[in-house]
Amino acid sequence: MLVVNILRRRRWLDRAGLLAEAVAPGAARGTIKLVRCAQCQGRLYYTRLKWQPRQEDHEQGCQAFITAIRMVRYADELKLAASEPDQGDWRSKRRRRKYLLGNAKKLTVAACESDPAAAVRALGNQYQAECQAPGTPAGTTRMSEMLMRACRQLALGEPTAPVR
């Protein structure tokens, strides 16, 4: 009986941790601030629970939700491109696959943020820094340039170019 109660409390605490942001400096301790959508102020309970943007958390026509869905669709395109056979040796294929899958995960996590447009802009800046870093392999530079352009287009709400 004691083990069941401990497991219930742990499950409740894990769920509460998903919904809480860090307490701002100067805020009262013990208060939990729920994560809300930056546009419609809806609580992102189901989004954080499933790690997929959910319509139940947003008002009808919320621009942040539309941006998040576009981001998830592009992440799905990245996953599909990672599974396609590519020309070249096995080592470069493996590196490309790991890079695309890792960045698809980053894009999905950014889509679940309270402001997905700002999160995708930050990802675009990260890819730009990756492109400009000295010593980056040519294949990685090409892919990070593609992702940088896609992030900029997603942030502006424009259609993205297909994944190559």
N, C-alpha and C. Protein backbone atom coordinates (compact mmCIF):
# COMPACT_ATOMS: atom_id res chain seq x y z
N MET A 1 0.82 -1.19 0.00
CA MET A 1 0.00 0.00 0.00
C MET A 1 0.87 1.26 0.00
N LEU A 2 1.94 1.24 0.77
CA LEU A 2 2.84 2.38 0.84
C LEU A 2 3.51 2.63 -0.51
N VAL A 3 3.90 1.56 -1.19
CA VAL A 3 4.55 1.70 -2.50
C VAL A 3 3.59 2.32 -3.51
N VAL A 4 2.33 1.93 -3.48
CA VAL A 4 1.33 2.49 -4.41
C VAL A 4 1.17 3.98 -4.18
N ASN A 5 1.09 4.40 -2.91
CA ASN A 5 0.95 5.82 -2.61
C ASN A 5 2.17 6.61 -3.05
N ILE A 6 3.36 6.05 -2.88
CA ILE A 6 4.58 6.73 -3.31
C ILE A 6 4.59 6.88 -4.83
N LEU A 7 4.20 5.82 -5.54
CA LEU A 7 4.16 5.90 -6.99
C LEU A 7 3.14 6.91 -7.49
N ARG A 8 2.00 7.00 -6.82
CA ARG A 8 0.98 8.00 -7.20
C ARG A 8 1.52 9.41 -7.01
N ARG A 9 2.17 9.64 -5.88
CA ARG A 9 2.73 10.96 -5.62
C ARG A 9 3.81 11.30 -6.64
N ARG A 10 4.62 10.33 -6.97
CA ARG A 10 5.69 10.56 -7.95
C ARG A 10 5.09 10.91 -9.31
N ARG A 11 4.05 10.19 -9.72
CA ARG A 11 3.40 10.46 -11.00
C ARG A 11 2.80 11.87 -10.98
N TRP A 12 2.18 12.26 -9.88
CA TRP A 12 1.60 13.59 -9.78
C TRP A 12 2.70 14.65 -9.85
N LEU A 13 3.82 14.43 -9.15
CA LEU A 13 4.91 15.39 -9.17
C LEU A 13 5.53 15.49 -10.55
N ASP A 14 5.67 14.36 -11.25
CA ASP A 14 6.21 14.40 -12.61
C ASP A 14 5.31 15.21 -13.52
N ARG A 15 4.01 15.02 -13.42
CA ARG A 15 3.06 15.76 -14.24
C ARG A 15 3.09 17.24 -13.89
N ALA A 16 3.21 17.56 -12.60
CA ALA A 16 3.27 18.96 -12.19
C ALA A 16 4.55 19.60 -12.68
N GLY A 17 5.64 18.83 -12.73
CA GLY A 17 6.90 19.36 -13.25
C GLY A 17 6.82 19.70 -14.72
N LEU A 18 6.03 18.97 -15.48
CA LEU A 18 5.86 19.27 -16.90
C LEU A 18 5.16 20.60 -17.11
N LEU A 19 4.27 20.93 -16.20
CA LEU A 19 3.44 22.11 -16.37
C LEU A 19 4.04 23.36 -15.78
N ALA A 20 5.06 23.22 -14.96
CA ALA A 20 5.59 24.36 -14.24
C ALA A 20 6.83 24.92 -14.93
N GLU A 21 6.95 26.21 -14.93
CA GLU A 21 8.17 26.86 -15.37
C GLU A 21 8.98 27.19 -14.13
N ALA A 22 10.21 27.55 -14.32
CA ALA A 22 11.03 27.96 -13.19
C ALA A 22 10.44 29.23 -12.58
N VAL A 23 10.51 29.34 -11.29
CA VAL A 23 9.96 30.50 -10.60
C VAL A 23 10.90 31.69 -10.85
N ALA A 24 10.34 32.81 -11.22
CA ALA A 24 11.13 34.00 -11.51
C ALA A 24 11.78 34.52 -10.24
N PRO A 25 12.95 35.16 -10.36
CA PRO A 25 13.60 35.72 -9.18
C PRO A 25 12.70 36.76 -8.52
N GLY A 26 12.58 36.68 -7.24
CA GLY A 26 11.74 37.61 -6.50
C GLY A 26 10.31 37.13 -6.32
N ALA A 27 9.93 36.06 -7.02
CA ALA A 27 8.58 35.52 -6.88
C ALA A 27 8.50 34.70 -5.59
N ALA A 28 7.30 34.56 -5.10
CA ALA A 28 7.10 33.81 -3.87
C ALA A 28 7.42 32.34 -4.10
N ARG A 29 8.13 31.75 -3.17
CA ARG A 29 8.45 30.32 -3.29
C ARG A 29 7.19 29.49 -3.09
N GLY A 30 7.17 28.37 -3.79
CA GLY A 30 6.04 27.47 -3.64
C GLY A 30 4.91 27.74 -4.61
N THR A 31 5.01 28.82 -5.39
CA THR A 31 3.97 29.09 -6.37
C THR A 31 4.37 28.44 -7.69
N ILE A 32 3.42 27.86 -8.37
CA ILE A 32 3.67 27.23 -9.66
C ILE A 32 3.01 28.08 -10.73
N LYS A 33 3.81 28.48 -11.68
CA LYS A 33 3.28 29.25 -12.80
C LYS A 33 3.08 28.28 -13.96
N LEU A 34 1.85 28.12 -14.41
CA LEU A 34 1.56 27.21 -15.51
C LEU A 34 2.06 27.79 -16.82
N VAL A 35 2.51 26.91 -17.71
CA VAL A 35 2.98 27.33 -19.01
C VAL A 35 1.75 27.66 -19.86
N ARG A 36 1.75 28.86 -20.43
CA ARG A 36 0.62 29.31 -21.23
C ARG A 36 1.09 29.71 -22.62
N CYS A 37 0.16 29.66 -23.55
CA CYS A 37 0.43 30.08 -24.92
C CYS A 37 0.71 31.58 -24.93
N ALA A 38 1.70 31.99 -25.70
CA ALA A 38 2.07 33.41 -25.76
C ALA A 38 1.01 34.24 -26.48
N GLN A 39 0.20 33.62 -27.33
CA GLN A 39 -0.78 34.36 -28.12
C GLN A 39 -2.16 34.38 -27.45
N CYS A 40 -2.70 33.18 -27.19
CA CYS A 40 -4.09 33.11 -26.70
C CYS A 40 -4.19 32.91 -25.19
N GLN A 41 -3.05 32.75 -24.51
CA GLN A 41 -2.98 32.55 -23.06
C GLN A 41 -3.65 31.25 -22.59
N GLY A 42 -3.81 30.28 -23.49
CA GLY A 42 -4.35 28.99 -23.10
C GLY A 42 -3.32 28.16 -22.36
N ARG A 43 -3.75 27.35 -21.42
CA ARG A 43 -2.84 26.49 -20.68
C ARG A 43 -2.36 25.37 -21.59
N LEU A 44 -1.07 25.09 -21.60
CA LEU A 44 -0.49 24.08 -22.49
C LEU A 44 -0.38 22.73 -21.79
N TYR A 45 -1.44 22.31 -21.14
CA TYR A 45 -1.43 21.07 -20.37
C TYR A 45 -1.25 19.86 -21.29
N TYR A 46 -2.13 19.69 -22.27
CA TYR A 46 -2.07 18.51 -23.14
C TYR A 46 -0.85 18.55 -24.06
N THR A 47 -0.43 19.74 -24.45
CA THR A 47 0.77 19.86 -25.29
C THR A 47 1.98 19.34 -24.54
N ARG A 48 2.15 19.73 -23.30
CA ARG A 48 3.29 19.28 -22.52
C ARG A 48 3.17 17.81 -22.11
N LEU A 49 1.95 17.35 -21.95
CA LEU A 49 1.74 15.97 -21.56
C LEU A 49 2.10 15.01 -22.69
N LYS A 50 1.69 15.34 -23.93
CA LYS A 50 1.92 14.48 -25.09
C LYS A 50 3.15 14.87 -25.90
N TRP A 51 3.73 16.04 -25.65
CA TRP A 51 4.84 16.59 -26.42
C TRP A 51 4.49 16.71 -27.90
N GLN A 52 3.25 17.09 -28.15
CA GLN A 52 2.75 17.42 -29.48
C GLN A 52 1.80 18.60 -29.30
N PRO A 53 1.83 19.59 -30.20
CA PRO A 53 0.88 20.70 -30.07
C PRO A 53 -0.55 20.18 -30.17
N ARG A 54 -1.40 20.58 -29.24
CA ARG A 54 -2.77 20.09 -29.18
C ARG A 54 -3.75 21.25 -29.30
N GLN A 55 -4.80 21.04 -30.08
CA GLN A 55 -5.81 22.07 -30.31
C GLN A 55 -6.56 22.40 -29.02
N GLU A 56 -6.70 21.43 -28.12
CA GLU A 56 -7.45 21.66 -26.88
C GLU A 56 -6.83 22.76 -26.02
N ASP A 57 -5.53 23.01 -26.20
CA ASP A 57 -4.84 24.00 -25.38
C ASP A 57 -4.96 25.42 -25.92
N HIS A 58 -5.44 25.58 -27.14
CA HIS A 58 -5.45 26.89 -27.79
C HIS A 58 -6.86 27.29 -28.18
N GLU A 59 -7.04 28.58 -28.37
CA GLU A 59 -8.31 29.08 -28.89
C GLU A 59 -8.34 28.84 -30.40
N GLN A 60 -9.53 28.92 -30.97
CA GLN A 60 -9.69 28.73 -32.41
C GLN A 60 -8.92 29.80 -33.17
N GLY A 61 -8.09 29.38 -34.12
CA GLY A 61 -7.34 30.32 -34.96
C GLY A 61 -6.10 30.91 -34.32
N CYS A 62 -5.61 30.30 -33.26
CA CYS A 62 -4.41 30.80 -32.58
C CYS A 62 -3.21 30.66 -33.52
N GLN A 63 -2.52 31.75 -33.77
CA GLN A 63 -1.40 31.75 -34.71
C GLN A 63 -0.23 30.92 -34.18
N ALA A 64 -0.04 30.88 -32.88
CA ALA A 64 1.04 30.08 -32.29
C ALA A 64 0.79 28.59 -32.55
N PHE A 65 -0.46 28.17 -32.46
CA PHE A 65 -0.79 26.76 -32.72
C PHE A 65 -0.55 26.42 -34.20
N ILE A 66 -0.92 27.33 -35.10
CA ILE A 66 -0.71 27.08 -36.53
C ILE A 66 0.78 26.97 -36.83
N THR A 67 1.58 27.84 -36.24
CA THR A 67 3.03 27.78 -36.42
C THR A 67 3.59 26.48 -35.87
N ALA A 68 3.10 26.06 -34.70
CA ALA A 68 3.57 24.82 -34.09
C ALA A 68 3.24 23.61 -34.95
N ILE A 69 2.06 23.59 -35.54
CA ILE A 69 1.68 22.47 -36.41
C ILE A 69 2.57 22.44 -37.65
N ARG A 70 2.87 23.61 -38.22
CA ARG A 70 3.77 23.66 -39.37
C ARG A 70 5.15 23.13 -39.00
N MET A 71 5.60 23.47 -37.80
CA MET A 71 6.91 22.99 -37.35
C MET A 71 6.93 21.47 -37.20
N VAL A 72 5.85 20.91 -36.66
CA VAL A 72 5.78 19.46 -36.49
C VAL A 72 5.72 18.77 -37.85
N ARG A 73 5.01 19.35 -38.80
CA ARG A 73 4.96 18.77 -40.16
C ARG A 73 6.34 18.78 -40.80
N TYR A 74 7.09 19.86 -40.61
CA TYR A 74 8.44 19.92 -41.16
C TYR A 74 9.35 18.90 -40.46
N ALA A 75 9.16 18.72 -39.17
CA ALA A 75 9.94 17.71 -38.44
C ALA A 75 9.63 16.31 -38.99
N ASP A 76 8.36 16.07 -39.32
CA ASP A 76 8.00 14.79 -39.93
C ASP A 76 8.65 14.62 -41.29
N GLU A 77 8.77 15.72 -42.06
CA GLU A 77 9.47 15.66 -43.34
C GLU A 77 10.94 15.31 -43.13
N LEU A 78 11.55 15.88 -42.08
CA LEU A 78 12.95 15.57 -41.77
C LEU A 78 13.11 14.08 -41.43
N LYS A 79 12.18 13.55 -40.65
CA LYS A 79 12.23 12.13 -40.30
C LYS A 79 12.09 11.25 -41.53
N LEU A 80 11.21 11.65 -42.43
CA LEU A 80 11.01 10.90 -43.66
C LEU A 80 12.27 10.96 -44.53
N ALA A 81 12.89 12.14 -44.62
CA ALA A 81 14.11 12.28 -45.41
C ALA A 81 15.26 11.48 -44.80
N ALA A 82 15.26 11.34 -43.48
CA ALA A 82 16.31 10.56 -42.83
C ALA A 82 16.17 9.08 -43.13
N SER A 83 14.95 8.62 -43.39
CA SER A 83 14.75 7.20 -43.65
C SER A 83 14.93 6.83 -45.12
N GLU A 84 15.00 7.84 -46.01
CA GLU A 84 15.17 7.55 -47.43
C GLU A 84 16.59 7.10 -47.72
N PRO A 85 16.74 6.17 -48.69
CA PRO A 85 18.11 5.78 -49.06
C PRO A 85 18.80 6.94 -49.78
N ASP A 86 20.07 7.14 -49.48
CA ASP A 86 20.83 8.24 -50.04
C ASP A 86 22.07 7.67 -50.71
N GLN A 87 22.61 8.41 -51.66
CA GLN A 87 23.84 7.98 -52.33
C GLN A 87 25.02 8.27 -51.41
N GLY A 88 26.06 7.45 -51.52
CA GLY A 88 27.26 7.67 -50.72
C GLY A 88 27.58 6.47 -49.85
N ASP A 89 28.65 6.60 -49.11
CA ASP A 89 29.06 5.49 -48.25
C ASP A 89 28.22 5.42 -46.99
N TRP A 90 28.35 4.34 -46.26
CA TRP A 90 27.48 4.10 -45.10
C TRP A 90 27.75 5.11 -43.99
N ARG A 91 29.00 5.58 -43.89
CA ARG A 91 29.33 6.49 -42.80
C ARG A 91 28.66 7.84 -42.98
N SER A 92 28.68 8.37 -44.20
CA SER A 92 28.03 9.67 -44.45
C SER A 92 26.51 9.54 -44.34
N LYS A 93 25.96 8.40 -44.77
CA LYS A 93 24.51 8.18 -44.63
C LYS A 93 24.11 8.17 -43.17
N ARG A 94 24.91 7.49 -42.36
CA ARG A 94 24.61 7.40 -40.93
C ARG A 94 24.69 8.77 -40.27
N ARG A 95 25.73 9.53 -40.63
CA ARG A 95 25.90 10.87 -40.07
C ARG A 95 24.73 11.77 -40.45
N ARG A 96 24.30 11.72 -41.72
CA ARG A 96 23.18 12.53 -42.21
C ARG A 96 21.89 12.14 -41.48
N ARG A 97 21.68 10.83 -41.34
CA ARG A 97 20.47 10.33 -40.68
C ARG A 97 20.41 10.79 -39.23
N LYS A 98 21.52 10.66 -38.50
CA LYS A 98 21.55 11.08 -37.10
C LYS A 98 21.34 12.59 -36.97
N TYR A 99 21.93 13.35 -37.88
CA TYR A 99 21.79 14.80 -37.84
C TYR A 99 20.34 15.21 -38.08
N LEU A 100 19.72 14.62 -39.09
CA LEU A 100 18.33 14.97 -39.40
C LEU A 100 17.38 14.55 -38.29
N LEU A 101 17.56 13.36 -37.74
CA LEU A 101 16.68 12.90 -36.66
C LEU A 101 16.85 13.75 -35.40
N GLY A 102 18.08 14.11 -35.07
CA GLY A 102 18.32 14.96 -33.90
C GLY A 102 17.68 16.33 -34.05
N ASN A 103 17.78 16.88 -35.25
CA ASN A 103 17.19 18.20 -35.48
C ASN A 103 15.68 18.14 -35.60
N ALA A 104 15.14 17.01 -36.04
CA ALA A 104 13.68 16.85 -36.04
C ALA A 104 13.17 16.85 -34.60
N LYS A 105 13.92 16.24 -33.71
CA LYS A 105 13.53 16.24 -32.29
C LYS A 105 13.60 17.65 -31.71
N LYS A 106 14.66 18.39 -32.04
CA LYS A 106 14.77 19.78 -31.56
C LYS A 106 13.60 20.62 -32.05
N LEU A 107 13.21 20.41 -33.31
CA LEU A 107 12.11 21.18 -33.88
C LEU A 107 10.78 20.83 -33.21
N THR A 108 10.58 19.55 -32.89
CA THR A 108 9.36 19.13 -32.21
C THR A 108 9.30 19.72 -30.80
N VAL A 109 10.42 19.74 -30.10
CA VAL A 109 10.46 20.32 -28.76
C VAL A 109 10.19 21.82 -28.83
N ALA A 110 10.75 22.49 -29.84
CA ALA A 110 10.51 23.93 -30.00
C ALA A 110 9.04 24.22 -30.31
N ALA A 111 8.38 23.29 -31.00
CA ALA A 111 6.97 23.48 -31.33
C ALA A 111 6.09 23.43 -30.09
N CYS A 112 6.56 22.81 -29.02
CA CYS A 112 5.77 22.69 -27.80
C CYS A 112 6.02 23.83 -26.82
N GLU A 113 6.86 24.78 -27.18
CA GLU A 113 7.12 25.94 -26.33
C GLU A 113 5.92 26.87 -26.31
N SER A 114 5.90 27.80 -25.37
CA SER A 114 4.78 28.73 -25.28
C SER A 114 4.76 29.70 -26.45
N ASP A 115 5.92 30.04 -27.00
CA ASP A 115 6.00 30.89 -28.19
C ASP A 115 6.83 30.15 -29.24
N PRO A 116 6.19 29.33 -30.09
CA PRO A 116 6.94 28.53 -31.05
C PRO A 116 7.69 29.37 -32.08
N ALA A 117 7.18 30.53 -32.43
CA ALA A 117 7.86 31.37 -33.42
C ALA A 117 9.21 31.85 -32.87
N ALA A 118 9.25 32.25 -31.63
CA ALA A 118 10.51 32.68 -31.01
C ALA A 118 11.47 31.51 -30.86
N ALA A 119 10.94 30.34 -30.54
CA ALA A 119 11.79 29.15 -30.38
C ALA A 119 12.40 28.74 -31.71
N VAL A 120 11.63 28.84 -32.80
CA VAL A 120 12.17 28.45 -34.11
C VAL A 120 13.16 29.51 -34.60
N ARG A 121 12.97 30.78 -34.23
CA ARG A 121 13.96 31.81 -34.57
C ARG A 121 15.28 31.51 -33.85
N ALA A 122 15.20 31.11 -32.60
CA ALA A 122 16.42 30.76 -31.85
C ALA A 122 17.12 29.56 -32.48
N LEU A 123 16.33 28.59 -32.93
CA LEU A 123 16.93 27.44 -33.62
C LEU A 123 17.61 27.88 -34.91
N GLY A 124 16.99 28.79 -35.65
CA GLY A 124 17.59 29.31 -36.87
C GLY A 124 18.91 30.00 -36.60
N ASN A 125 18.97 30.76 -35.51
CA ASN A 125 20.24 31.41 -35.12
C ASN A 125 21.30 30.37 -34.76
N GLN A 126 20.87 29.30 -34.13
CA GLN A 126 21.80 28.22 -33.77
C GLN A 126 22.36 27.56 -35.03
N TYR A 127 21.50 27.34 -36.03
CA TYR A 127 21.96 26.73 -37.28
C TYR A 127 22.88 27.68 -38.04
N GLN A 128 22.62 28.98 -37.96
CA GLN A 128 23.48 29.95 -38.62
C GLN A 128 24.87 29.93 -37.99
N ALA A 129 24.94 29.86 -36.68
CA ALA A 129 26.23 29.78 -35.99
C ALA A 129 26.95 28.49 -36.36
N GLU A 130 26.18 27.42 -36.53
CA GLU A 130 26.76 26.14 -36.92
C GLU A 130 27.35 26.21 -38.32
N CYS A 131 26.68 26.94 -39.22
CA CYS A 131 27.18 27.11 -40.59
C CYS A 131 28.49 27.87 -40.61
N GLN A 132 28.59 28.88 -39.76
CA GLN A 132 29.75 29.76 -39.77
C GLN A 132 30.90 29.25 -38.93
N ALA A 133 30.70 28.14 -38.23
CA ALA A 133 31.76 27.60 -37.38
C ALA A 133 32.87 27.02 -38.25
N PRO A 134 34.12 27.33 -37.94
CA PRO A 134 35.22 26.76 -38.74
C PRO A 134 35.37 25.27 -38.47
N GLY A 135 35.73 24.54 -39.51
CA GLY A 135 35.98 23.11 -39.37
C GLY A 135 34.75 22.24 -39.44
N THR A 136 33.60 22.81 -39.80
CA THR A 136 32.38 22.02 -39.93
C THR A 136 32.43 21.26 -41.25
N PRO A 137 32.10 19.96 -41.26
CA PRO A 137 32.10 19.20 -42.52
C PRO A 137 31.13 19.81 -43.54
N ALA A 138 31.45 19.63 -44.83
CA ALA A 138 30.65 20.24 -45.90
C ALA A 138 29.21 19.74 -45.88
N GLY A 139 28.99 18.46 -45.64
CA GLY A 139 27.63 17.91 -45.60
C GLY A 139 26.81 18.51 -44.48
N THR A 140 27.43 18.68 -43.34
CA THR A 140 26.73 19.27 -42.19
C THR A 140 26.41 20.74 -42.46
N THR A 141 27.34 21.44 -43.09
CA THR A 141 27.11 22.85 -43.41
C THR A 141 25.93 22.99 -44.37
N ARG A 142 25.86 22.12 -45.36
CA ARG A 142 24.76 22.17 -46.32
C ARG A 142 23.42 21.92 -45.63
N MET A 143 23.39 20.92 -44.75
CA MET A 143 22.14 20.60 -44.05
C MET A 143 21.75 21.71 -43.07
N SER A 144 22.74 22.29 -42.39
CA SER A 144 22.41 23.35 -41.43
C SER A 144 21.95 24.61 -42.16
N GLU A 145 22.47 24.88 -43.36
CA GLU A 145 21.97 26.00 -44.15
C GLU A 145 20.52 25.77 -44.55
N MET A 146 20.20 24.54 -44.95
CA MET A 146 18.82 24.19 -45.31
C MET A 146 17.89 24.38 -44.11
N LEU A 147 18.32 23.92 -42.94
CA LEU A 147 17.50 24.05 -41.74
C LEU A 147 17.38 25.50 -41.29
N MET A 148 18.44 26.29 -41.49
CA MET A 148 18.40 27.71 -41.13
C MET A 148 17.35 28.43 -41.98
N ARG A 149 17.35 28.16 -43.29
CA ARG A 149 16.36 28.78 -44.17
C ARG A 149 14.95 28.33 -43.81
N ALA A 150 14.80 27.04 -43.51
CA ALA A 150 13.48 26.51 -43.15
C ALA A 150 12.97 27.15 -41.86
N CYS A 151 13.85 27.34 -40.88
CA CYS A 151 13.44 27.96 -39.61
C CYS A 151 13.00 29.40 -39.83
N ARG A 152 13.71 30.12 -40.66
CA ARG A 152 13.30 31.50 -40.96
C ARG A 152 11.93 31.53 -41.62
N GLN A 153 11.70 30.61 -42.57
CA GLN A 153 10.41 30.57 -43.25
C GLN A 153 9.30 30.17 -42.30
N LEU A 154 9.57 29.21 -41.41
CA LEU A 154 8.56 28.80 -40.42
C LEU A 154 8.21 29.95 -39.48
N ALA A 155 9.22 30.71 -39.07
CA ALA A 155 8.97 31.83 -38.15
C ALA A 155 8.11 32.91 -38.80
N LEU A 156 8.28 33.08 -40.11
CA LEU A 156 7.50 34.09 -40.83
C LEU A 156 6.14 33.57 -41.30
N GLY A 157 5.93 32.27 -41.20
CA GLY A 157 4.66 31.68 -41.62
C GLY A 157 4.61 31.38 -43.11
N GLU A 158 5.76 31.35 -43.76
CA GLU A 158 5.83 31.04 -45.18
C GLU A 158 6.01 29.55 -45.39
N PRO A 159 5.64 29.03 -46.57
CA PRO A 159 5.86 27.60 -46.84
C PRO A 159 7.35 27.29 -46.95
N THR A 160 7.75 26.13 -46.47
CA THR A 160 9.15 25.74 -46.47
C THR A 160 9.50 24.97 -47.74
N ALA A 161 10.76 25.03 -48.10
CA ALA A 161 11.25 24.28 -49.25
C ALA A 161 11.33 22.80 -48.85
N PRO A 162 11.18 21.90 -49.82
CA PRO A 162 11.26 20.47 -49.48
C PRO A 162 12.66 20.09 -49.00
N VAL A 163 12.72 19.05 -48.19
CA VAL A 163 13.98 18.59 -47.63
C VAL A 163 14.75 17.84 -48.71
N ARG A 164 16.04 18.18 -48.87
CA ARG A 164 16.87 17.48 -49.86
C ARG A 164 17.85 16.59 -49.16
